[in-house]
Structure formats: C-alpha cells, structure tokens
PDB file of N, CA and C in Angstrom:
ATOM      1  N   MET A   1     123.819 136.024  41.786  1.00  0.00           N
ATOM      2  CA  MET A   1     123.588 137.427  41.532  1.00  0.00           C
ATOM      3  C   MET A   1     123.088 138.069  42.809  1.00  0.00           C
ATOM      4  N   GLY A   2     123.603 139.224  43.160  1.00  0.00           N
ATOM      5  CA  GLY A   2     123.190 139.893  44.382  1.00  0.00           C
ATOM      6  C   GLY A   2     121.973 140.772  44.178  1.00  0.00           C
ATOM      7  N   LYS A   3     121.479 141.308  45.294  1.00  0.00           N
ATOM      8  CA  LYS A   3     120.323 142.201  45.254  1.00  0.00           C
ATOM      9  C   LYS A   3     120.756 143.582  45.682  1.00  0.00           C
ATOM     10  N   ALA A   4     120.145 144.609  45.070  1.00  0.00           N
ATOM     11  CA  ALA A   4     120.477 145.985  45.422  1.00  0.00           C
ATOM     12  C   ALA A   4     119.747 146.363  46.699  1.00  0.00           C
ATOM     13  N   GLY A   5     120.449 146.975  47.646  1.00  0.00           N
ATOM     14  CA  GLY A   5     119.837 147.420  48.896  1.00  0.00           C
ATOM     15  C   GLY A   5     119.392 148.863  48.790  1.00  0.00           C
ATOM     16  N   ARG A   6     119.115 149.469  49.945  1.00  0.00           N
ATOM     17  CA  ARG A   6     118.662 150.868  49.956  1.00  0.00           C
ATOM     18  C   ARG A   6     119.703 151.809  49.380  1.00  0.00           C
ATOM     19  N   THR A   7     120.964 151.546  49.660  1.00  0.00           N
ATOM     20  CA  THR A   7     122.024 152.449  49.210  1.00  0.00           C
ATOM     21  C   THR A   7     122.393 152.218  47.752  1.00  0.00           C
ATOM     22  N   GLY A   8     121.829 151.215  47.135  1.00  0.00           N
ATOM     23  CA  GLY A   8     122.160 150.921  45.752  1.00  0.00           C
ATOM     24  C   GLY A   8     123.344 149.983  45.620  1.00  0.00           C
ATOM     25  N   ALA A   9     123.986 149.669  46.758  1.00  0.00           N
ATOM     26  CA  ALA A   9     125.129 148.758  46.721  1.00  0.00           C
ATOM     27  C   ALA A   9     124.636 147.340  46.448  1.00  0.00           C
ATOM     28  N   VAL A  10     125.405 146.607  45.717  1.00  0.00           N
ATOM     29  CA  VAL A  10     125.044 145.228  45.395  1.00  0.00           C
ATOM     30  C   VAL A  10     125.693 144.313  46.418  1.00  0.00           C
ATOM     31  N   THR A  11     124.895 143.466  47.044  1.00  0.00           N
ATOM     32  CA  THR A  11     125.451 142.521  48.007  1.00  0.00           C
ATOM     33  C   THR A  11     125.865 141.262  47.268  1.00  0.00           C
ATOM     34  N   THR A  12     126.931 140.670  47.713  1.00  0.00           N
ATOM     35  CA  THR A  12     127.439 139.459  47.066  1.00  0.00           C
ATOM     36  C   THR A  12     127.488 138.333  48.082  1.00  0.00           C
ATOM     37  N   PRO A  13     127.528 137.109  47.626  1.00  0.00           N
ATOM     38  CA  PRO A  13     127.681 136.000  48.563  1.00  0.00           C
ATOM     39  C   PRO A  13     129.025 136.067  49.267  1.00  0.00           C
ATOM     40  N   ASP A  14     129.148 135.359  50.361  1.00  0.00           N
ATOM     41  CA  ASP A  14     130.390 135.320  51.120  1.00  0.00           C
ATOM     42  C   ASP A  14     131.531 134.863  50.214  1.00  0.00           C
ATOM     43  N   PRO A  15     132.577 135.679  50.047  1.00  0.00           N
ATOM     44  CA  PRO A  15     133.679 135.303  49.152  1.00  0.00           C
ATOM     45  C   PRO A  15     134.338 133.981  49.535  1.00  0.00           C
ATOM     46  N   LYS A  16     134.391 133.675  50.828  1.00  0.00           N
ATOM     47  CA  LYS A  16     135.017 132.428  51.262  1.00  0.00           C
ATOM     48  C   LYS A  16     134.188 131.225  50.788  1.00  0.00           C
ATOM     49  N   ALA A  17     132.875 131.338  50.923  1.00  0.00           N
ATOM     50  CA  ALA A  17     132.004 130.256  50.471  1.00  0.00           C
ATOM     51  C   ALA A  17     132.088 130.089  48.954  1.00  0.00           C
ATOM     52  N   THR A  18     132.176 131.197  48.248  1.00  0.00           N
ATOM     53  CA  THR A  18     132.288 131.158  46.788  1.00  0.00           C
ATOM     54  C   THR A  18     133.585 130.468  46.374  1.00  0.00           C
ATOM     55  N   PHE A  19     134.681 130.822  47.058  1.00  0.00           N
ATOM     56  CA  PHE A  19     135.966 130.209  46.754  1.00  0.00           C
ATOM     57  C   PHE A  19     135.893 128.692  46.885  1.00  0.00           C
ATOM     58  N   TYR A  20     135.337 128.212  47.989  1.00  0.00           N
ATOM     59  CA  TYR A  20     135.288 126.760  48.210  1.00  0.00           C
ATOM     60  C   TYR A  20     134.298 126.072  47.273  1.00  0.00           C
ATOM     61  N   ARG A  21     133.244 126.766  46.867  1.00  0.00           N
ATOM     62  CA  ARG A  21     132.329 126.194  45.883  1.00  0.00           C
ATOM     63  C   ARG A  21     133.038 126.036  44.539  1.00  0.00           C
ATOM     64  N   TYR A  22     133.769 127.065  44.135  1.00  0.00           N
ATOM     65  CA  TYR A  22     134.542 126.971  42.888  1.00  0.00           C
ATOM     66  C   TYR A  22     135.628 125.902  42.999  1.00  0.00           C
ATOM     67  N   ARG A  23     136.284 125.828  44.168  1.00  0.00           N
ATOM     68  CA  ARG A  23     137.350 124.842  44.356  1.00  0.00           C
ATOM     69  C   ARG A  23     136.803 123.429  44.212  1.00  0.00           C
ATOM     70  N   ARG A  24     135.642 123.189  44.803  1.00  0.00           N
ATOM     71  CA  ARG A  24     135.037 121.860  44.730  1.00  0.00           C
ATOM     72  C   ARG A  24     134.754 121.476  43.272  1.00  0.00           C
ATOM     73  N   GLU A  25     134.263 122.444  42.489  1.00  0.00           N
ATOM     74  CA  GLU A  25     133.972 122.163  41.075  1.00  0.00           C
ATOM     75  C   GLU A  25     135.261 121.906  40.282  1.00  0.00           C
ATOM     76  N   PHE A  26     136.298 122.687  40.537  1.00  0.00           N
ATOM     77  CA  PHE A  26     137.567 122.498  39.827  1.00  0.00           C
ATOM     78  C   PHE A  26     138.247 121.190  40.219  1.00  0.00           C
ATOM     79  N   LEU A  27     138.118 120.806  41.487  1.00  0.00           N
ATOM     80  CA  LEU A  27     138.744 119.557  41.936  1.00  0.00           C
ATOM     81  C   LEU A  27     138.169 118.350  41.204  1.00  0.00           C
ATOM     82  N   LYS A  28     136.937 118.434  40.755  1.00  0.00           N
ATOM     83  CA  LYS A  28     136.341 117.348  39.973  1.00  0.00           C
ATOM     84  C   LYS A  28     137.116 117.113  38.681  1.00  0.00           C
ATOM     85  N   HIS A  29     137.796 118.167  38.195  1.00  0.00           N
ATOM     86  CA  HIS A  29     138.566 118.096  36.952  1.00  0.00           C
ATOM     87  C   HIS A  29     140.074 117.999  37.208  1.00  0.00           C
ATOM     88  N   GLY A  30     140.449 117.817  38.489  1.00  0.00           N
ATOM     89  CA  GLY A  30     141.860 117.654  38.822  1.00  0.00           C
ATOM     90  C   GLY A  30     142.625 118.948  38.982  1.00  0.00           C
ATOM     91  N   ILE A  31     141.929 120.059  39.169  1.00  0.00           N
ATOM     92  CA  ILE A  31     142.584 121.356  39.324  1.00  0.00           C
ATOM     93  C   ILE A  31     142.336 121.860  40.740  1.00  0.00           C
ATOM     94  N   ASP A  32     143.417 122.155  41.473  1.00  0.00           N
ATOM     95  CA  ASP A  32     143.278 122.672  42.829  1.00  0.00           C
ATOM     96  C   ASP A  32     143.651 124.152  42.827  1.00  0.00           C
ATOM     97  N   ILE A  33     142.657 125.019  43.017  1.00  0.00           N
ATOM     98  CA  ILE A  33     142.927 126.465  42.990  1.00  0.00           C
ATOM     99  C   ILE A  33     143.442 126.966  44.329  1.00  0.00           C
ATOM    100  N   ALA A  34     143.556 126.076  45.346  1.00  0.00           N
ATOM    101  CA  ALA A  34     144.055 126.480  46.652  1.00  0.00           C
ATOM    102  C   ALA A  34     145.578 126.467  46.713  1.00  0.00           C
ATOM    103  N   ILE A  35     146.239 125.905  45.718  1.00  0.00           N
ATOM    104  CA  ILE A  35     147.702 125.860  45.703  1.00  0.00           C
ATOM    105  C   ILE A  35     148.222 127.250  45.376  1.00  0.00           C
ATOM    106  N   ARG A  36     149.062 127.766  46.248  1.00  0.00           N
ATOM    107  CA  ARG A  36     149.619 129.113  46.033  1.00  0.00           C
ATOM    108  C   ARG A  36     150.785 129.053  45.053  1.00  0.00           C
ATOM    109  N   GLN A  37     150.861 130.086  44.215  1.00  0.00           N
ATOM    110  CA  GLN A  37     151.985 130.193  43.292  1.00  0.00           C
ATOM    111  C   GLN A  37     153.103 130.950  43.977  1.00  0.00           C
ATOM    112  N   SER A  38     154.298 130.830  43.426  1.00  0.00           N
ATOM    113  CA  SER A  38     155.415 131.584  43.984  1.00  0.00           C
ATOM    114  C   SER A  38     155.152 133.069  43.790  1.00  0.00           C
ATOM    115  N   SER A  39     155.784 133.879  44.617  1.00  0.00           N
ATOM    116  CA  SER A  39     155.528 135.316  44.573  1.00  0.00           C
ATOM    117  C   SER A  39     156.013 135.963  43.276  1.00  0.00           C
ATOM    118  N   LYS A  40     157.029 135.385  42.646  1.00  0.00           N
ATOM    119  CA  LYS A  40     157.527 135.948  41.398  1.00  0.00           C
ATOM    120  C   LYS A  40     157.725 134.810  40.400  1.00  0.00           C
ATOM    121  N   PRO A  41     156.756 134.591  39.511  1.00  0.00           N
ATOM    122  CA  PRO A  41     156.926 133.516  38.533  1.00  0.00           C
ATOM    123  C   PRO A  41     158.059 133.816  37.557  1.00  0.00           C
ATOM    124  N   ASP A  42     158.743 132.774  37.112  1.00  0.00           N
ATOM    125  CA  ASP A  42     159.891 132.933  36.232  1.00  0.00           C
ATOM    126  C   ASP A  42     159.509 133.107  34.762  1.00  0.00           C
ATOM    127  N   ASN A  43     158.272 132.758  34.397  1.00  0.00           N
ATOM    128  CA  ASN A  43     157.914 132.792  32.988  1.00  0.00           C
ATOM    129  C   ASN A  43     157.238 134.096  32.565  1.00  0.00           C
ATOM    130  N   VAL A  44     157.259 135.130  33.407  1.00  0.00           N
ATOM    131  CA  VAL A  44     156.633 136.404  33.073  1.00  0.00           C
ATOM    132  C   VAL A  44     157.723 137.403  32.715  1.00  0.00           C
ATOM    133  N   ILE A  45     157.567 138.054  31.570  1.00  0.00           N
ATOM    134  CA  ILE A  45     158.522 139.063  31.130  1.00  0.00           C
ATOM    135  C   ILE A  45     157.950 140.434  31.461  1.00  0.00           C
ATOM    136  N   PRO A  46     158.626 141.240  32.262  1.00  0.00           N
ATOM    137  CA  PRO A  46     158.110 142.563  32.594  1.00  0.00           C
ATOM    138  C   PRO A  46     158.010 143.438  31.344  1.00  0.00           C
ATOM    139  N   LEU A  47     156.894 144.142  31.190  1.00  0.00           N
ATOM    140  CA  LEU A  47     156.703 144.992  30.020  1.00  0.00           C
ATOM    141  C   LEU A  47     157.704 146.137  29.975  1.00  0.00           C
ATOM    142  N   ILE A  48     158.152 146.602  31.115  1.00  0.00           N
ATOM    143  CA  ILE A  48     159.092 147.716  31.127  1.00  0.00           C
ATOM    144  C   ILE A  48     160.400 147.344  30.431  1.00  0.00           C
ATOM    145  N   ARG A  49     160.742 146.064  30.441  1.00  0.00           N
ATOM    146  CA  ARG A  49     161.971 145.623  29.790  1.00  0.00           C
ATOM    147  C   ARG A  49     161.762 145.471  28.285  1.00  0.00           C
ATOM    148  N   VAL A  50     160.568 145.110  27.859  1.00  0.00           N
ATOM    149  CA  VAL A  50     160.307 144.864  26.450  1.00  0.00           C
ATOM    150  C   VAL A  50     160.044 146.166  25.691  1.00  0.00           C
ATOM    151  N   LEU A  51     159.287 147.072  26.288  1.00  0.00           N
ATOM    152  CA  LEU A  51     158.898 148.302  25.603  1.00  0.00           C
ATOM    153  C   LEU A  51     159.814 149.461  25.993  1.00  0.00           C
ATOM    154  N   ARG A  52     160.956 149.502  25.382  1.00  0.00           N
ATOM    155  CA  ARG A  52     161.886 150.588  25.634  1.00  0.00           C
ATOM    156  C   ARG A  52     161.735 151.650  24.549  1.00  0.00           C
ATOM    157  N   PRO A  53     161.698 152.926  24.890  1.00  0.00           N
ATOM    158  CA  PRO A  53     161.536 153.968  23.878  1.00  0.00           C
ATOM    159  C   PRO A  53     162.641 153.982  22.831  1.00  0.00           C
ATOM    160  N   GLU A  54     163.842 153.568  23.213  1.00  0.00           N
ATOM    161  CA  GLU A  54     164.944 153.572  22.239  1.00  0.00           C
ATOM    162  C   GLU A  54     164.660 152.601  21.091  1.00  0.00           C
ATOM    163  N   ALA A  55     163.979 151.527  21.401  1.00  0.00           N
ATOM    164  CA  ALA A  55     163.727 150.510  20.385  1.00  0.00           C
ATOM    165  C   ALA A  55     162.659 150.942  19.389  1.00  0.00           C
ATOM    166  N   ILE A  56     161.796 151.877  19.760  1.00  0.00           N
ATOM    167  CA  ILE A  56     160.716 152.296  18.866  1.00  0.00           C
ATOM    168  C   ILE A  56     160.812 153.776  18.505  1.00  0.00           C
ATOM    169  N   ALA A  57     162.018 154.345  18.595  1.00  0.00           N
ATOM    170  CA  ALA A  57     162.194 155.771  18.351  1.00  0.00           C
ATOM    171  C   ALA A  57     162.092 156.132  16.868  1.00  0.00           C
ATOM    172  N   GLN A  58     162.349 155.215  15.967  1.00  0.00           N
ATOM    173  CA  GLN A  58     162.310 155.531  14.549  1.00  0.00           C
ATOM    174  C   GLN A  58     160.895 155.387  14.009  1.00  0.00           C
ATOM    175  N   VAL A  59     160.555 156.274  13.061  1.00  0.00           N
ATOM    176  CA  VAL A  59     159.239 156.231  12.428  1.00  0.00           C
ATOM    177  C   VAL A  59     159.326 155.340  11.197  1.00  0.00           C
ATOM    178  N   PRO A  60     158.385 154.401  11.027  1.00  0.00           N
ATOM    179  CA  PRO A  60     158.421 153.555   9.838  1.00  0.00           C
ATOM    180  C   PRO A  60     158.165 154.376   8.573  1.00  0.00           C
ATOM    181  N   ASP A  61     158.778 153.975   7.475  1.00  0.00           N
ATOM    182  CA  ASP A  61     158.645 154.709   6.215  1.00  0.00           C
ATOM    183  C   ASP A  61     157.194 154.796   5.750  1.00  0.00           C
ATOM    184  N   TRP A  62     156.396 153.753   5.983  1.00  0.00           N
ATOM    185  CA  TRP A  62     155.024 153.755   5.499  1.00  0.00           C
ATOM    186  C   TRP A  62     154.148 154.762   6.255  1.00  0.00           C
ATOM    187  N   ALA A  63     154.597 155.232   7.444  1.00  0.00           N
ATOM    188  CA  ALA A  63     153.785 156.162   8.236  1.00  0.00           C
ATOM    189  C   ALA A  63     154.021 157.615   7.851  1.00  0.00           C
ATOM    190  N   VAL A  64     155.171 157.921   7.256  1.00  0.00           N
ATOM    191  CA  VAL A  64     155.487 159.301   6.889  1.00  0.00           C
ATOM    192  C   VAL A  64     154.558 159.745   5.769  1.00  0.00           C
ATOM    193  N   GLY A  65     153.965 160.933   5.953  1.00  0.00           N
ATOM    194  CA  GLY A  65     153.055 161.474   4.944  1.00  0.00           C
ATOM    195  C   GLY A  65     151.609 161.054   5.145  1.00  0.00           C
ATOM    196  N   THR A  66     151.324 160.309   6.191  1.00  0.00           N
ATOM    197  CA  THR A  66     149.943 159.925   6.480  1.00  0.00           C
ATOM    198  C   THR A  66     149.469 160.669   7.724  1.00  0.00           C
ATOM    199  N   SER A  67     148.191 160.527   8.049  1.00  0.00           N
ATOM    200  CA  SER A  67     147.648 161.198   9.233  1.00  0.00           C
ATOM    201  C   SER A  67     148.137 160.544  10.527  1.00  0.00           C
ATOM    202  N   LEU A  68     148.799 159.407  10.421  1.00  0.00           N
ATOM    203  CA  LEU A  68     149.318 158.731  11.603  1.00  0.00           C
ATOM    204  C   LEU A  68     150.600 159.376  12.125  1.00  0.00           C
ATOM    205  N   TYR A  69     151.251 160.153  11.287  1.00  0.00           N
ATOM    206  CA  TYR A  69     152.550 160.714  11.640  1.00  0.00           C
ATOM    207  C   TYR A  69     152.463 162.230  11.675  1.00  0.00           C
ATOM    208  N   PHE A  70     152.919 162.837  12.785  1.00  0.00           N
ATOM    209  CA  PHE A  70     152.954 164.279  12.915  1.00  0.00           C
ATOM    210  C   PHE A  70     154.407 164.719  12.823  1.00  0.00           C
ATOM    211  N   ASP A  71     154.697 165.580  11.878  1.00  0.00           N
ATOM    212  CA  ASP A  71     156.057 166.092  11.690  1.00  0.00           C
ATOM    213  C   ASP A  71     156.097 167.531  12.183  1.00  0.00           C
ATOM    214  N   PRO A  72     156.684 167.807  13.339  1.00  0.00           N
ATOM    215  CA  PRO A  72     156.694 169.168  13.882  1.00  0.00           C
ATOM    216  C   PRO A  72     157.497 170.148  13.021  1.00  0.00           C
ATOM    217  N   LYS A  73     158.439 169.658  12.216  1.00  0.00           N
ATOM    218  CA  LYS A  73     159.213 170.536  11.356  1.00  0.00           C
ATOM    219  C   LYS A  73     158.342 171.200  10.302  1.00  0.00           C
ATOM    220  N   LEU A  74     157.325 170.529   9.818  1.00  0.00           N
ATOM    221  CA  LEU A  74     156.449 171.075   8.789  1.00  0.00           C
ATOM    222  C   LEU A  74     155.496 172.125   9.317  1.00  0.00           C
ATOM    223  N   ASN A  75     155.221 172.149  10.602  1.00  0.00           N
ATOM    224  CA  ASN A  75     154.245 173.065  11.172  1.00  0.00           C
ATOM    225  C   ASN A  75     154.860 174.298  11.808  1.00  0.00           C
ATOM    226  N   ARG A  76     156.157 174.510  11.664  1.00  0.00           N
ATOM    227  CA  ARG A  76     156.785 175.719  12.209  1.00  0.00           C
ATOM    228  C   ARG A  76     156.476 176.895  11.311  1.00  0.00           C
ATOM    229  N   ALA A  77     156.193 178.014  11.944  1.00  0.00           N
ATOM    230  CA  ALA A  77     155.844 179.220  11.174  1.00  0.00           C
ATOM    231  C   ALA A  77     156.969 180.212  11.158  1.00  0.00           C
TER     232      ALA A  77
END
C-alpha cells in the first residue's frame, strides 16, 4: 500500500519489482507470467460481430405493454 504525499498522489512500489515478485510467486505453482501471448488470440470473439442491431431489432412479445417497451406510435398527438 502506498502513502499519500503533499499533492495527494499515492505512490506505488516500482512496477518492475512488483512484476518480478508476482512472477516468483506464480513460478512456484508452475505459471510463468513473463511468457508473451500472441498479439491476436484465436479464441476471442469480437463483440461487434456478435451484437448486430439486425439480430435484436424485433421486440419480444412479453415486453409489449410493459414499462420496458416504448411505442412511439401511441404517443403521437
């Protein structure tokens, strides 16, 4: 835990030292956090591909008539 200085900023330990301290602890369990991953993992699905507006354009029947659904046709004067 760091200490607050005059400016109110919190000082932290050296990030490099922290990294190697964590690495040493993980290595005891057979995990090396120093191994770099590829720049683009193959098992990640981009959200932009999954959440397309066309796929969710219809309103479910259970939502019509509740406060969850706003029908602009009913509010025209």
